[in-house]
C-alpha atoms as a PDB file:
ATOM      1  CA  ILE A   1      -6.576 -11.222   3.359  1.00  0.00           C
ATOM      2  CA  VAL A   2      -4.444  -8.232   4.591  1.00  0.00           C
ATOM      3  CA  ASP A   3      -2.156 -10.685   6.694  1.00  0.00           C
ATOM      4  CA  LEU A   4      -1.895 -12.877   3.458  1.00  0.00           C
ATOM      5  CA  VAL A   5      -0.709  -9.573   1.430  1.00  0.00           C
ATOM      6  CA  GLU A   6       1.600  -8.596   4.154  1.00  0.00           C
ATOM      7  CA  SER A   7       3.125 -11.909   4.196  1.00  0.00           C
ATOM      8  CA  ILE A   8       3.825 -11.939   0.354  1.00  0.00           C
ATOM      9  CA  ILE A   9       5.201  -8.187   0.026  1.00  0.00           C
ATOM     10  CA  PHE A  10       7.446  -8.310   3.118  1.00  0.00           C
ATOM     11  CA  LYS A  11       8.856 -11.843   1.880  1.00  0.00           C
ATOM     12  CA  ALA A  12      12.843 -11.783   1.333  1.00  0.00           C
ATOM     13  CA  GLY A  13      13.864 -12.038  -2.239  1.00  0.00           C
ATOM     14  CA  ILE A  14      10.196 -10.998  -3.691  1.00  0.00           C
ATOM     15  CA  GLU A  15       9.905  -9.390  -7.080  1.00  0.00           C
ATOM     16  CA  ASN A  16       9.614  -5.685  -7.289  1.00  0.00           C
ATOM     17  CA  ASP A  17       6.508  -6.314  -9.364  1.00  0.00           C
ATOM     18  CA  THR A  18       4.794  -8.327  -6.828  1.00  0.00           C
ATOM     19  CA  ILE A  19       5.329  -5.976  -4.178  1.00  0.00           C
ATOM     20  CA  SER A  20       3.732  -3.182  -6.626  1.00  0.00           C
ATOM     21  CA  TYR A  21       0.756  -5.501  -7.166  1.00  0.00           C
ATOM     22  CA  GLY A  22       0.596  -6.131  -3.258  1.00  0.00           C
ATOM     23  CA  LEU A  23       0.601  -2.259  -2.845  1.00  0.00           C
ATOM     24  CA  SER A  24      -2.422  -1.847  -5.328  1.00  0.00           C
ATOM     25  CA  CYS A  25      -4.098  -4.560  -3.409  1.00  0.00           C
ATOM     26  CA  LEU A  26      -3.533  -3.003  -0.276  1.00  0.00           C
ATOM     27  CA  LEU A  27      -4.913   0.361  -1.662  1.00  0.00           C
ATOM     28  CA  LYS A  28      -8.015  -1.534  -2.932  1.00  0.00           C
ATOM     29  CA  LEU A  29      -8.766  -3.275   0.491  1.00  0.00           C
ATOM     30  CA  TYR A  30      -8.354  -0.010   2.533  1.00  0.00           C
ATOM     31  CA  GLU A  31     -11.995   0.967   2.239  1.00  0.00           C
ATOM     32  CA  LYS A  32     -13.210  -2.568   3.085  1.00  0.00           C
ATOM     33  CA  PHE A  33     -11.574  -3.400   6.143  1.00  0.00           C
ATOM     34  CA  SER A  34     -11.454  -1.901   9.677  1.00  0.00           C
ATOM     35  CA  ASN A  35      -7.737  -2.021  10.178  1.00  0.00           C
ATOM     36  CA  LYS A  36      -7.063   1.088   7.778  1.00  0.00           C
ATOM     37  CA  GLU A  37      -4.166   2.422   9.953  1.00  0.00           C
ATOM     38  CA  ARG A  38      -2.403  -0.851   9.569  1.00  0.00           C
ATOM     39  CA  ILE A  39      -2.786  -0.960   5.889  1.00  0.00           C
ATOM     40  CA  ALA A  40      -1.628   2.677   5.551  1.00  0.00           C
ATOM     41  CA  LYS A  41       1.465   1.771   7.618  1.00  0.00           C
ATOM     42  CA  MET A  42       2.415  -1.020   5.438  1.00  0.00           C
ATOM     43  CA  ILE A  43       2.050   1.012   2.131  1.00  0.00           C
ATOM     44  CA  LYS A  44       4.029   3.525   3.666  1.00  0.00           C
ATOM     45  CA  SER A  45       6.716   1.495   4.980  1.00  0.00           C
ATOM     46  CA  PHE A  46       7.507   1.046   0.957  1.00  0.00           C
ATOM     47  CA  GLU A  47       8.232   4.774   0.500  1.00  0.00           C
ATOM     48  CA  ALA A  48      12.142   4.363   1.008  1.00  0.00           C
ATOM     49  CA  HIS A  49      12.245   1.096  -1.084  1.00  0.00           C
ATOM     50  CA  SER A  50      15.209   0.540  -3.336  1.00  0.00           C
ATOM     51  CA  ASP A  51      13.229   0.162  -6.389  1.00  0.00           C
ATOM     52  CA  MET A  52      12.014   3.673  -7.499  1.00  0.00           C
ATOM     53  CA  GLU A  53       8.792   2.283  -9.178  1.00  0.00           C
ATOM     54  CA  VAL A  54       7.914   0.766  -5.819  1.00  0.00           C
ATOM     55  CA  GLN A  55       8.823   3.884  -4.195  1.00  0.00           C
ATOM     56  CA  LYS A  56       6.667   5.872  -6.428  1.00  0.00           C
ATOM     57  CA  ARG A  57       3.870   3.590  -6.115  1.00  0.00           C
ATOM     58  CA  ALA A  58       3.821   3.854  -2.236  1.00  0.00           C
ATOM     59  CA  CYS A  59       4.301   7.578  -2.031  1.00  0.00           C
ATOM     60  CA  GLU A  60       1.366   7.929  -4.616  1.00  0.00           C
ATOM     61  CA  TYR A  61      -1.228   5.681  -2.539  1.00  0.00           C
ATOM     62  CA  THR A  62       0.323   7.217   0.852  1.00  0.00           C
ATOM     63  CA  LYS A  63      -0.971  10.674  -0.438  1.00  0.00           C
ATOM     64  CA  LEU A  64      -4.112   9.460  -1.605  1.00  0.00           C
ATOM     65  CA  LEU A  65      -4.930   7.933   1.729  1.00  0.00           C
ATOM     66  CA  GLU A  66      -4.438  11.299   3.482  1.00  0.00           C
ATOM     67  CA  LYS A  67      -7.597  12.918   4.958  1.00  0.00           C
ATOM     68  CA  GLY A  68      -7.850  15.634   2.388  1.00  0.00           C
ATOM     69  CA  TRP A  69      -8.068  13.290  -0.188  1.00  0.00           C
ATOM     70  CA  ASP A  70     -10.643  11.019   1.568  1.00  0.00           C
ATOM     71  CA  ASN A  71     -13.618  12.998   0.978  1.00  0.00           C
ATOM     72  CA  ASP A  72     -12.862  13.427  -2.893  1.00  0.00           C
ATOM     73  CA  ARG A  73     -12.306   9.671  -3.292  1.00  0.00           C
ATOM     74  CA  LYS A  74     -15.698   8.747  -1.728  1.00  0.00           C
ATOM     75  CA  LYS A  75     -17.703  11.209  -4.154  1.00  0.00           C
END
């Protein structure tokens, strides 16, 4: 599943809305899969995206995946 999302969001010419949905999908998959580091890196790679909404979403999700937020998320 992660490979499929990766192939979609990194595809050239993909719509920014599709990237945003893909990032949301990755965030939801984060807790369910063992390759957490890979998922976090994919999300983080969009922090410098040319579209401000994609950037914002990536930054927010990256912050949520930090260790300090981990305990709060699991409560």
